[in-house]
Amino acid sequence: MGLDAKGRWTRTRVAKVSLSISPFWFLAQLTFNLSLKYTTVTSNTILSSASSLFTFLVSLAFLGEKFTWIKLVSVLLCMAGTIIVSLGDSSNSKNLRIIASNPILGDILALLSAAFYAIYVTLIRKQLPDNDEKSGHASMAQFLGFLGLFNVLIFLPVALILNVTKLESLNTLSWKQFGLIIGKGLLDNVLSDYLWAKAVLLTTTTVATAGLTIQVPLAAIVDTIIGNTPHLMDYLGAVAVMIGFAGINIPSDFFCRSKETTIELENENITLANQEHTPLPLQETIPID
């Protein structure tokens, strides 16, 4: 079964799952960063926000997640909030007015990144257990550790070949840039990915993915605290994201349960009303001799 004496997944079993998922993680990262080379940051952000919708659709197809119109509208609200903020930033910032070298290719790569991300998160939810006694406990730290290890072993030779052939020279990389890459990797690709992957197992793929859009209202709050007054578009986007995220967390059977409760209460009231209006049976009088 691939479990040790304590009911935990063996390293070999975790490594196999990481190996099967690692290509989709790499392709999601690669297509996302490549899209920034060919299209604008605004287009990249807008199209990448489609990952919430893709994740929801993939979850419906392969994870058996129940479809509700509230979830669909909530996912679209989260996407809309991100789009509103991105458009507001692009119109207010002069530094973002950069001509895209190949916008069609860049937009396609951004959409591919969103699709690969949806596959990646769905595979995590499908292949890793819910930490119960039957399926055992899998270490998320081990999973992400093997994920990084396999990417290094597989793609480091590719990077060296690109460096030798001068197609992608590493000599221009300064120590400051290298340090920033390491710091970004530790905070973004290690800490945040660990917390997010745990959220995938504790909730659903749709909730965890849409939860990433909470950075929109958080960014507005931070800007307000440090004295950078957010624009109206930022507030509108933040409100849309918060409403959408709240809607996604509404249970699928919430309204069904509410209707059932209402019907039960109505039936009880009708029963009590009938009992009140029903005359009591007359008692027989016994004649006294």
C-alpha atoms as a PDB file:
ATOM      1  CA  MET A   1       0.000   0.000   0.000  1.00  0.00           C
ATOM      2  CA  GLY A   2       3.037   2.328   0.218  1.00  0.00           C
ATOM      3  CA  LEU A   3       2.527   3.125   3.919  1.00  0.00           C
ATOM      4  CA  ASP A   4       4.985   2.842   6.781  1.00  0.00           C
ATOM      5  CA  ALA A   5       4.231   1.571  10.290  1.00  0.00           C
ATOM      6  CA  LYS A   6       2.798   4.962  11.325  1.00  0.00           C
ATOM      7  CA  GLY A   7       0.404   5.146   8.384  1.00  0.00           C
ATOM      8  CA  ARG A   8       2.475   7.695   6.474  1.00  0.00           C
ATOM      9  CA  TRP A   9       3.274   7.568   2.783  1.00  0.00           C
ATOM     10  CA  THR A  10       6.729   6.228   1.995  1.00  0.00           C
ATOM     11  CA  ARG A  11       9.228   8.555   0.314  1.00  0.00           C
ATOM     12  CA  THR A  12       9.095   6.428  -2.829  1.00  0.00           C
ATOM     13  CA  ARG A  13       5.334   6.839  -3.119  1.00  0.00           C
ATOM     14  CA  VAL A  14       5.518  10.607  -2.558  1.00  0.00           C
ATOM     15  CA  ALA A  15       8.354  10.873  -5.085  1.00  0.00           C
ATOM     16  CA  LYS A  16       6.320   9.075  -7.768  1.00  0.00           C
ATOM     17  CA  VAL A  17       3.419  11.496  -7.325  1.00  0.00           C
ATOM     18  CA  SER A  18       5.776  14.491  -7.432  1.00  0.00           C
ATOM     19  CA  LEU A  19       7.428  13.175 -10.592  1.00  0.00           C
ATOM     20  CA  SER A  20       4.075  12.787 -12.358  1.00  0.00           C
ATOM     21  CA  ILE A  21       2.941  16.308 -11.406  1.00  0.00           C
ATOM     22  CA  SER A  22       6.229  18.222 -11.832  1.00  0.00           C
ATOM     23  CA  PRO A  23       5.975  18.671 -15.653  1.00  0.00           C
ATOM     24  CA  PHE A  24       2.683  20.548 -15.319  1.00  0.00           C
ATOM     25  CA  TRP A  25       4.115  22.812 -12.603  1.00  0.00           C
ATOM     26  CA  PHE A  26       7.140  23.595 -14.775  1.00  0.00           C
ATOM     27  CA  LEU A  27       5.036  24.251 -17.884  1.00  0.00           C
ATOM     28  CA  ALA A  28       2.732  26.568 -15.910  1.00  0.00           C
ATOM     29  CA  GLN A  29       5.718  28.598 -14.681  1.00  0.00           C
ATOM     30  CA  LEU A  30       7.467  28.572 -18.070  1.00  0.00           C
ATOM     31  CA  THR A  31       4.475  29.714 -20.119  1.00  0.00           C
ATOM     32  CA  PHE A  32       3.611  32.398 -17.541  1.00  0.00           C
ATOM     33  CA  ASN A  33       7.085  33.952 -17.621  1.00  0.00           C
ATOM     34  CA  LEU A  34       7.421  33.590 -21.394  1.00  0.00           C
ATOM     35  CA  SER A  35       4.146  35.432 -21.891  1.00  0.00           C
ATOM     36  CA  LEU A  36       5.643  38.450 -20.095  1.00  0.00           C
ATOM     37  CA  LYS A  37       8.317  38.551 -22.801  1.00  0.00           C
ATOM     38  CA  TYR A  38       5.794  38.927 -25.612  1.00  0.00           C
ATOM     39  CA  THR A  39       2.757  40.673 -24.127  1.00  0.00           C
ATOM     40  CA  THR A  40       2.043  43.382 -21.557  1.00  0.00           C
ATOM     41  CA  VAL A  41       1.773  42.837 -17.816  1.00  0.00           C
ATOM     42  CA  THR A  42      -1.884  43.860 -17.972  1.00  0.00           C
ATOM     43  CA  SER A  43      -2.760  41.259 -20.596  1.00  0.00           C
ATOM     44  CA  ASN A  44      -0.753  38.648 -18.716  1.00  0.00           C
ATOM     45  CA  THR A  45      -2.575  39.353 -15.442  1.00  0.00           C
ATOM     46  CA  ILE A  46      -6.022  39.427 -17.047  1.00  0.00           C
ATOM     47  CA  LEU A  47      -5.577  36.167 -18.961  1.00  0.00           C
ATOM     48  CA  SER A  48      -3.845  34.407 -16.057  1.00  0.00           C
ATOM     49  CA  SER A  49      -6.876  35.149 -13.888  1.00  0.00           C
ATOM     50  CA  ALA A  50      -8.718  32.611 -16.054  1.00  0.00           C
ATOM     51  CA  SER A  51      -7.024  29.911 -13.954  1.00  0.00           C
ATOM     52  CA  SER A  52      -9.922  30.180 -11.473  1.00  0.00           C
ATOM     53  CA  LEU A  53     -12.436  29.408 -14.210  1.00  0.00           C
ATOM     54  CA  PHE A  54     -10.301  26.633 -15.705  1.00  0.00           C
ATOM     55  CA  THR A  55      -9.828  25.068 -12.268  1.00  0.00           C
ATOM     56  CA  PHE A  56     -13.576  25.159 -11.628  1.00  0.00           C
ATOM     57  CA  LEU A  57     -14.327  23.492 -14.979  1.00  0.00           C
ATOM     58  CA  VAL A  58     -11.644  20.816 -14.521  1.00  0.00           C
ATOM     59  CA  SER A  59     -12.926  20.115 -10.991  1.00  0.00           C
ATOM     60  CA  LEU A  60     -16.420  19.598 -12.375  1.00  0.00           C
ATOM     61  CA  ALA A  61     -15.099  17.115 -14.936  1.00  0.00           C
ATOM     62  CA  PHE A  62     -12.585  15.096 -12.902  1.00  0.00           C
ATOM     63  CA  LEU A  63     -13.169  15.721  -9.183  1.00  0.00           C
ATOM     64  CA  GLY A  64     -16.951  15.504  -9.121  1.00  0.00           C
ATOM     65  CA  GLU A  65     -17.402  19.009  -7.743  1.00  0.00           C
ATOM     66  CA  LYS A  66     -21.062  19.998  -7.771  1.00  0.00           C
ATOM     67  CA  PHE A  67     -22.019  22.762 -10.197  1.00  0.00           C
ATOM     68  CA  THR A  68     -24.000  25.696  -8.873  1.00  0.00           C
ATOM     69  CA  TRP A  69     -24.721  29.000 -10.539  1.00  0.00           C
ATOM     70  CA  ILE A  70     -23.546  30.796  -7.406  1.00  0.00           C
ATOM     71  CA  LYS A  71     -20.082  29.225  -7.730  1.00  0.00           C
ATOM     72  CA  LEU A  72     -19.842  30.116 -11.408  1.00  0.00           C
ATOM     73  CA  VAL A  73     -20.885  33.729 -10.810  1.00  0.00           C
ATOM     74  CA  SER A  74     -18.505  33.943  -7.824  1.00  0.00           C
ATOM     75  CA  VAL A  75     -15.568  32.687  -9.901  1.00  0.00           C
ATOM     76  CA  LEU A  76     -16.392  35.237 -12.598  1.00  0.00           C
ATOM     77  CA  LEU A  77     -16.549  37.969  -9.932  1.00  0.00           C
ATOM     78  CA  CYS A  78     -13.051  37.052  -8.712  1.00  0.00           C
ATOM     79  CA  MET A  79     -11.806  37.221 -12.294  1.00  0.00           C
ATOM     80  CA  ALA A  80     -13.600  40.529 -12.852  1.00  0.00           C
ATOM     81  CA  GLY A  81     -12.032  42.043  -9.744  1.00  0.00           C
ATOM     82  CA  THR A  82      -8.538  41.170 -10.950  1.00  0.00           C
ATOM     83  CA  ILE A  83      -9.295  42.534 -14.424  1.00  0.00           C
ATOM     84  CA  ILE A  84     -10.682  45.815 -13.037  1.00  0.00           C
ATOM     85  CA  VAL A  85      -7.574  46.425 -10.920  1.00  0.00           C
ATOM     86  CA  SER A  86      -5.241  45.506 -13.794  1.00  0.00           C
ATOM     87  CA  LEU A  87      -6.974  47.884 -16.196  1.00  0.00           C
ATOM     88  CA  GLY A  88      -6.932  50.620 -13.574  1.00  0.00           C
ATOM     89  CA  ASP A  89      -3.208  50.165 -12.945  1.00  0.00           C
ATOM     90  CA  SER A  90      -2.389  50.182 -16.667  1.00  0.00           C
ATOM     91  CA  SER A  91      -4.321  53.414 -17.245  1.00  0.00           C
ATOM     92  CA  ASN A  92      -2.778  55.190 -14.239  1.00  0.00           C
ATOM     93  CA  SER A  93       0.839  54.048 -14.577  1.00  0.00           C
ATOM     94  CA  LYS A  94       3.060  55.538 -17.240  1.00  0.00           C
ATOM     95  CA  ASN A  95       5.709  52.871 -16.676  1.00  0.00           C
ATOM     96  CA  LEU A  96       3.411  50.098 -17.900  1.00  0.00           C
ATOM     97  CA  ARG A  97       2.905  51.636 -21.341  1.00  0.00           C
ATOM     98  CA  ILE A  98       5.163  49.126 -23.083  1.00  0.00           C
ATOM     99  CA  ILE A  99       4.585  47.943 -26.631  1.00  0.00           C
ATOM    100  CA  ALA A 100       4.144  44.169 -26.781  1.00  0.00           C
ATOM    101  CA  SER A 101       6.512  42.475 -29.230  1.00  0.00           C
ATOM    102  CA  ASN A 102       4.106  39.632 -30.079  1.00  0.00           C
ATOM    103  CA  PRO A 103       0.800  40.090 -28.216  1.00  0.00           C
ATOM    104  CA  ILE A 104      -1.011  37.140 -29.805  1.00  0.00           C
ATOM    105  CA  LEU A 105       1.735  34.681 -28.839  1.00  0.00           C
ATOM    106  CA  GLY A 106       2.005  36.227 -25.374  1.00  0.00           C
ATOM    107  CA  ASP A 107      -1.744  36.003 -24.784  1.00  0.00           C
ATOM    108  CA  ILE A 108      -1.807  32.363 -25.905  1.00  0.00           C
ATOM    109  CA  LEU A 109       1.052  31.556 -23.521  1.00  0.00           C
ATOM    110  CA  ALA A 110      -0.798  33.272 -20.649  1.00  0.00           C
ATOM    111  CA  LEU A 111      -3.913  31.187 -21.330  1.00  0.00           C
ATOM    112  CA  LEU A 112      -1.797  28.025 -21.543  1.00  0.00           C
ATOM    113  CA  SER A 113      -0.264  28.928 -18.186  1.00  0.00           C
ATOM    114  CA  ALA A 114      -3.739  29.198 -16.643  1.00  0.00           C
ATOM    115  CA  ALA A 115      -4.707  25.824 -18.141  1.00  0.00           C
ATOM    116  CA  PHE A 116      -1.525  24.083 -16.915  1.00  0.00           C
ATOM    117  CA  TYR A 117      -2.080  25.589 -13.472  1.00  0.00           C
ATOM    118  CA  ALA A 118      -5.621  24.174 -13.387  1.00  0.00           C
ATOM    119  CA  ILE A 119      -4.301  20.711 -14.302  1.00  0.00           C
ATOM    120  CA  TYR A 120      -1.528  20.989 -11.695  1.00  0.00           C
ATOM    121  CA  VAL A 121      -3.857  21.879  -8.822  1.00  0.00           C
ATOM    122  CA  THR A 122      -6.404  19.234  -9.859  1.00  0.00           C
ATOM    123  CA  LEU A 123      -3.727  16.523  -9.890  1.00  0.00           C
ATOM    124  CA  ILE A 124      -2.639  17.515  -6.376  1.00  0.00           C
ATOM    125  CA  ARG A 125      -6.203  17.171  -5.104  1.00  0.00           C
ATOM    126  CA  LYS A 126      -6.764  13.884  -6.927  1.00  0.00           C
ATOM    127  CA  GLN A 127      -3.497  12.079  -6.158  1.00  0.00           C
ATOM    128  CA  LEU A 128      -2.757  13.230  -2.605  1.00  0.00           C
ATOM    129  CA  PRO A 129      -4.939  11.849   0.227  1.00  0.00           C
ATOM    130  CA  ASP A 130      -7.209  13.596   2.688  1.00  0.00           C
ATOM    131  CA  ASN A 131      -5.001  12.423   5.582  1.00  0.00           C
ATOM    132  CA  ASP A 132      -7.460   9.828   6.862  1.00  0.00           C
ATOM    133  CA  GLU A 133      -6.724   6.392   8.311  1.00  0.00           C
ATOM    134  CA  LYS A 134      -7.669   4.611   5.096  1.00  0.00           C
ATOM    135  CA  SER A 135      -5.493   6.502   2.596  1.00  0.00           C
ATOM    136  CA  GLY A 136      -2.699   7.476   5.002  1.00  0.00           C
ATOM    137  CA  HIS A 137      -0.812  10.718   5.525  1.00  0.00           C
ATOM    138  CA  ALA A 138       1.379  12.289   2.824  1.00  0.00           C
ATOM    139  CA  SER A 139       3.925  14.944   3.767  1.00  0.00           C
ATOM    140  CA  MET A 140       3.303  18.124   1.783  1.00  0.00           C
ATOM    141  CA  ALA A 141       6.856  19.277   2.528  1.00  0.00           C
ATOM    142  CA  GLN A 142       8.219  16.067   0.995  1.00  0.00           C
ATOM    143  CA  PHE A 143       5.953  16.446  -2.023  1.00  0.00           C
ATOM    144  CA  LEU A 144       7.138  19.993  -2.751  1.00  0.00           C
ATOM    145  CA  GLY A 145      10.739  19.035  -1.983  1.00  0.00           C
ATOM    146  CA  PHE A 146      10.681  16.233  -4.535  1.00  0.00           C
ATOM    147  CA  LEU A 147       8.897  18.561  -6.958  1.00  0.00           C
ATOM    148  CA  GLY A 148      11.794  21.012  -6.808  1.00  0.00           C
ATOM    149  CA  LEU A 149      14.407  18.242  -6.896  1.00  0.00           C
ATOM    150  CA  PHE A 150      12.997  16.674 -10.061  1.00  0.00           C
ATOM    151  CA  ASN A 151      12.814  20.050 -11.778  1.00  0.00           C
ATOM    152  CA  VAL A 152      16.475  20.683 -10.955  1.00  0.00           C
ATOM    153  CA  LEU A 153      17.600  17.235 -12.118  1.00  0.00           C
ATOM    154  CA  ILE A 154      15.579  17.377 -15.337  1.00  0.00           C
ATOM    155  CA  PHE A 155      16.013  20.986 -16.417  1.00  0.00           C
ATOM    156  CA  LEU A 156      19.460  21.959 -15.058  1.00  0.00           C
ATOM    157  CA  PRO A 157      21.172  20.156 -17.979  1.00  0.00           C
ATOM    158  CA  VAL A 158      18.877  22.080 -20.337  1.00  0.00           C
ATOM    159  CA  ALA A 159      19.925  25.371 -18.732  1.00  0.00           C
ATOM    160  CA  LEU A 160      23.614  24.434 -19.038  1.00  0.00           C
ATOM    161  CA  ILE A 161      23.170  23.551 -22.715  1.00  0.00           C
ATOM    162  CA  LEU A 162      21.468  26.887 -23.355  1.00  0.00           C
ATOM    163  CA  ASN A 163      24.332  28.648 -21.568  1.00  0.00           C
ATOM    164  CA  VAL A 164      27.032  26.838 -23.567  1.00  0.00           C
ATOM    165  CA  THR A 165      25.279  27.498 -26.883  1.00  0.00           C
ATOM    166  CA  LYS A 166      24.814  31.194 -25.900  1.00  0.00           C
ATOM    167  CA  LEU A 167      21.062  30.925 -26.443  1.00  0.00           C
ATOM    168  CA  GLU A 168      20.473  31.913 -22.802  1.00  0.00           C
ATOM    169  CA  SER A 169      23.675  33.179 -21.223  1.00  0.00           C
ATOM    170  CA  LEU A 170      24.006  32.980 -17.442  1.00  0.00           C
ATOM    171  CA  ASN A 171      27.111  35.197 -17.370  1.00  0.00           C
ATOM    172  CA  THR A 172      25.006  38.358 -17.369  1.00  0.00           C
ATOM    173  CA  LEU A 173      23.359  37.308 -14.093  1.00  0.00           C
ATOM    174  CA  SER A 174      24.723  39.432 -11.231  1.00  0.00           C
ATOM    175  CA  TRP A 175      25.014  38.276  -7.628  1.00  0.00           C
ATOM    176  CA  LYS A 176      22.291  40.748  -6.650  1.00  0.00           C
ATOM    177  CA  GLN A 177      19.929  39.276  -9.223  1.00  0.00           C
ATOM    178  CA  PHE A 178      20.864  35.775  -8.101  1.00  0.00           C
ATOM    179  CA  GLY A 179      20.075  36.695  -4.489  1.00  0.00           C
ATOM    180  CA  LEU A 180      16.709  38.138  -5.498  1.00  0.00           C
ATOM    181  CA  ILE A 181      15.913  34.923  -7.373  1.00  0.00           C
ATOM    182  CA  ILE A 182      16.759  32.829  -4.301  1.00  0.00           C
ATOM    183  CA  GLY A 183      14.728  35.097  -2.012  1.00  0.00           C
ATOM    184  CA  LYS A 184      11.750  35.065  -4.352  1.00  0.00           C
ATOM    185  CA  GLY A 185      11.984  31.283  -4.595  1.00  0.00           C
ATOM    186  CA  LEU A 186      11.997  30.828  -0.815  1.00  0.00           C
ATOM    187  CA  LEU A 187       9.089  33.187  -0.132  1.00  0.00           C
ATOM    188  CA  ASP A 188       6.984  32.613  -3.235  1.00  0.00           C
ATOM    189  CA  ASN A 189       7.687  29.125  -4.549  1.00  0.00           C
ATOM    190  CA  VAL A 190       8.326  27.493  -1.155  1.00  0.00           C
ATOM    191  CA  LEU A 191       6.353  29.165   1.638  1.00  0.00           C
ATOM    192  CA  SER A 192       3.339  30.375  -0.338  1.00  0.00           C
ATOM    193  CA  ASP A 193       3.119  27.179  -2.420  1.00  0.00           C
ATOM    194  CA  TYR A 194       3.232  25.086   0.757  1.00  0.00           C
ATOM    195  CA  LEU A 195       0.402  27.026   2.403  1.00  0.00           C
ATOM    196  CA  TRP A 196      -1.606  27.059  -0.819  1.00  0.00           C
ATOM    197  CA  ALA A 197      -1.162  23.302  -1.409  1.00  0.00           C
ATOM    198  CA  LYS A 198      -2.347  22.601   2.144  1.00  0.00           C
ATOM    199  CA  ALA A 199      -5.389  24.767   1.426  1.00  0.00           C
ATOM    200  CA  VAL A 200      -6.119  22.649  -1.659  1.00  0.00           C
ATOM    201  CA  LEU A 201      -6.365  19.525   0.508  1.00  0.00           C
ATOM    202  CA  LEU A 202      -8.328  21.214   3.300  1.00  0.00           C
ATOM    203  CA  THR A 203     -10.884  22.923   1.024  1.00  0.00           C
ATOM    204  CA  THR A 204     -11.409  22.511  -2.727  1.00  0.00           C
ATOM    205  CA  THR A 205      -9.312  23.383  -5.752  1.00  0.00           C
ATOM    206  CA  THR A 206     -11.729  26.149  -6.732  1.00  0.00           C
ATOM    207  CA  VAL A 207     -11.679  27.774  -3.290  1.00  0.00           C
ATOM    208  CA  ALA A 208      -7.878  27.581  -3.039  1.00  0.00           C
ATOM    209  CA  THR A 209      -7.340  29.011  -6.517  1.00  0.00           C
ATOM    210  CA  ALA A 210      -9.874  31.803  -6.090  1.00  0.00           C
ATOM    211  CA  GLY A 211      -8.301  32.528  -2.708  1.00  0.00           C
ATOM    212  CA  LEU A 212      -5.178  33.740  -4.498  1.00  0.00           C
ATOM    213  CA  THR A 213      -7.184  36.724  -5.751  1.00  0.00           C
ATOM    214  CA  ILE A 214      -7.506  37.943  -2.142  1.00  0.00           C
ATOM    215  CA  GLN A 215      -4.180  39.670  -2.807  1.00  0.00           C
ATOM    216  CA  VAL A 216      -6.230  42.357  -4.610  1.00  0.00           C
ATOM    217  CA  PRO A 217      -8.060  43.705  -1.507  1.00  0.00           C
ATOM    218  CA  LEU A 218      -4.978  43.073   0.650  1.00  0.00           C
ATOM    219  CA  ALA A 219      -2.890  45.195  -1.722  1.00  0.00           C
ATOM    220  CA  ALA A 220      -5.464  47.992  -1.458  1.00  0.00           C
ATOM    221  CA  ILE A 221      -5.294  47.824   2.353  1.00  0.00           C
ATOM    222  CA  VAL A 222      -1.483  47.905   2.364  1.00  0.00           C
ATOM    223  CA  ASP A 223      -1.444  50.849  -0.056  1.00  0.00           C
ATOM    224  CA  THR A 224      -3.810  52.736   2.236  1.00  0.00           C
ATOM    225  CA  ILE A 225      -1.644  52.034   5.303  1.00  0.00           C
ATOM    226  CA  ILE A 226       1.611  53.195   3.679  1.00  0.00           C
ATOM    227  CA  GLY A 227      -0.002  56.356   2.322  1.00  0.00           C
ATOM    228  CA  ASN A 228      -0.538  55.402  -1.334  1.00  0.00           C
ATOM    229  CA  THR A 229      -4.212  56.158  -1.818  1.00  0.00           C
ATOM    230  CA  PRO A 230      -5.789  53.454  -4.013  1.00  0.00           C
ATOM    231  CA  HIS A 231      -7.866  54.516  -7.001  1.00  0.00           C
ATOM    232  CA  LEU A 232     -11.584  53.885  -7.405  1.00  0.00           C
ATOM    233  CA  MET A 233     -10.863  50.927  -9.706  1.00  0.00           C
ATOM    234  CA  ASP A 234      -8.839  49.300  -6.917  1.00  0.00           C
ATOM    235  CA  TYR A 235     -11.751  49.543  -4.493  1.00  0.00           C
ATOM    236  CA  LEU A 236     -14.237  48.226  -7.062  1.00  0.00           C
ATOM    237  CA  GLY A 237     -11.951  45.302  -7.877  1.00  0.00           C
ATOM    238  CA  ALA A 238     -11.414  44.541  -4.186  1.00  0.00           C
ATOM    239  CA  VAL A 239     -15.168  44.511  -3.508  1.00  0.00           C
ATOM    240  CA  ALA A 240     -15.783  42.208  -6.486  1.00  0.00           C
ATOM    241  CA  VAL A 241     -13.102  39.783  -5.293  1.00  0.00           C
ATOM    242  CA  MET A 242     -14.396  39.707  -1.709  1.00  0.00           C
ATOM    243  CA  ILE A 243     -17.999  39.077  -2.822  1.00  0.00           C
ATOM    244  CA  GLY A 244     -16.844  36.391  -5.246  1.00  0.00           C
ATOM    245  CA  PHE A 245     -14.673  34.638  -2.669  1.00  0.00           C
ATOM    246  CA  ALA A 246     -17.510  34.674  -0.131  1.00  0.00           C
ATOM    247  CA  GLY A 247     -19.873  33.210  -2.719  1.00  0.00           C
ATOM    248  CA  ILE A 248     -17.484  30.381  -3.588  1.00  0.00           C
ATOM    249  CA  ASN A 249     -17.397  29.318   0.065  1.00  0.00           C
ATOM    250  CA  ILE A 250     -21.185  28.897   0.247  1.00  0.00           C
ATOM    251  CA  PRO A 251     -21.883  25.117   0.458  1.00  0.00           C
ATOM    252  CA  SER A 252     -23.514  23.599  -2.612  1.00  0.00           C
ATOM    253  CA  ASP A 253     -26.498  22.321  -0.619  1.00  0.00           C
ATOM    254  CA  PHE A 254     -26.931  25.479   1.470  1.00  0.00           C
ATOM    255  CA  PHE A 255     -30.091  26.677  -0.256  1.00  0.00           C
ATOM    256  CA  CYS A 256     -31.469  23.145  -0.522  1.00  0.00           C
ATOM    257  CA  ARG A 257     -31.098  22.748   3.229  1.00  0.00           C
ATOM    258  CA  SER A 258     -32.720  26.141   3.753  1.00  0.00           C
ATOM    259  CA  LYS A 259     -35.705  25.119   1.617  1.00  0.00           C
ATOM    260  CA  GLU A 260     -36.016  21.800   3.451  1.00  0.00           C
ATOM    261  CA  THR A 261     -35.908  23.577   6.806  1.00  0.00           C
ATOM    262  CA  THR A 262     -38.560  26.049   5.655  1.00  0.00           C
ATOM    263  CA  ILE A 263     -40.826  23.251   4.421  1.00  0.00           C
ATOM    264  CA  GLU A 264     -40.416  21.352   7.709  1.00  0.00           C
ATOM    265  CA  LEU A 265     -41.317  24.457   9.721  1.00  0.00           C
ATOM    266  CA  GLU A 266     -44.362  25.097   7.538  1.00  0.00           C
ATOM    267  CA  ASN A 267     -45.516  21.499   7.967  1.00  0.00           C
ATOM    268  CA  GLU A 268     -45.082  21.753  11.734  1.00  0.00           C
ATOM    269  CA  ASN A 269     -47.089  24.999  11.812  1.00  0.00           C
ATOM    270  CA  ILE A 270     -49.867  23.426   9.737  1.00  0.00           C
ATOM    271  CA  THR A 271     -49.958  20.406  12.048  1.00  0.00           C
ATOM    272  CA  LEU A 272     -50.160  22.613  15.143  1.00  0.00           C
ATOM    273  CA  ALA A 273     -52.886  24.734  13.562  1.00  0.00           C
ATOM    274  CA  ASN A 274     -54.938  21.657  12.700  1.00  0.00           C
ATOM    275  CA  GLN A 275     -54.589  20.362  16.230  1.00  0.00           C
ATOM    276  CA  GLU A 276     -55.813  23.684  17.657  1.00  0.00           C
ATOM    277  CA  HIS A 277     -58.905  23.749  15.425  1.00  0.00           C
ATOM    278  CA  THR A 278     -59.797  20.082  15.916  1.00  0.00           C
ATOM    279  CA  PRO A 279     -62.621  19.801  18.550  1.00  0.00           C
ATOM    280  CA  LEU A 280     -61.963  17.518  21.449  1.00  0.00           C
ATOM    281  CA  PRO A 281     -64.105  14.323  21.531  1.00  0.00           C
ATOM    282  CA  LEU A 282     -67.141  14.455  23.861  1.00  0.00           C
ATOM    283  CA  GLN A 283     -66.809  12.359  26.963  1.00  0.00           C
ATOM    284  CA  GLU A 284     -69.627   9.909  27.669  1.00  0.00           C
ATOM    285  CA  THR A 285     -71.761  10.863  30.628  1.00  0.00           C
ATOM    286  CA  ILE A 286     -72.632   8.049  32.979  1.00  0.00           C
ATOM    287  CA  PRO A 287     -76.217   8.357  34.309  1.00  0.00           C
ATOM    288  CA  ILE A 288     -76.477   8.411  38.069  1.00  0.00           C
ATOM    289  CA  ASP A 289     -79.220   6.157  39.467  1.00  0.00           C
END
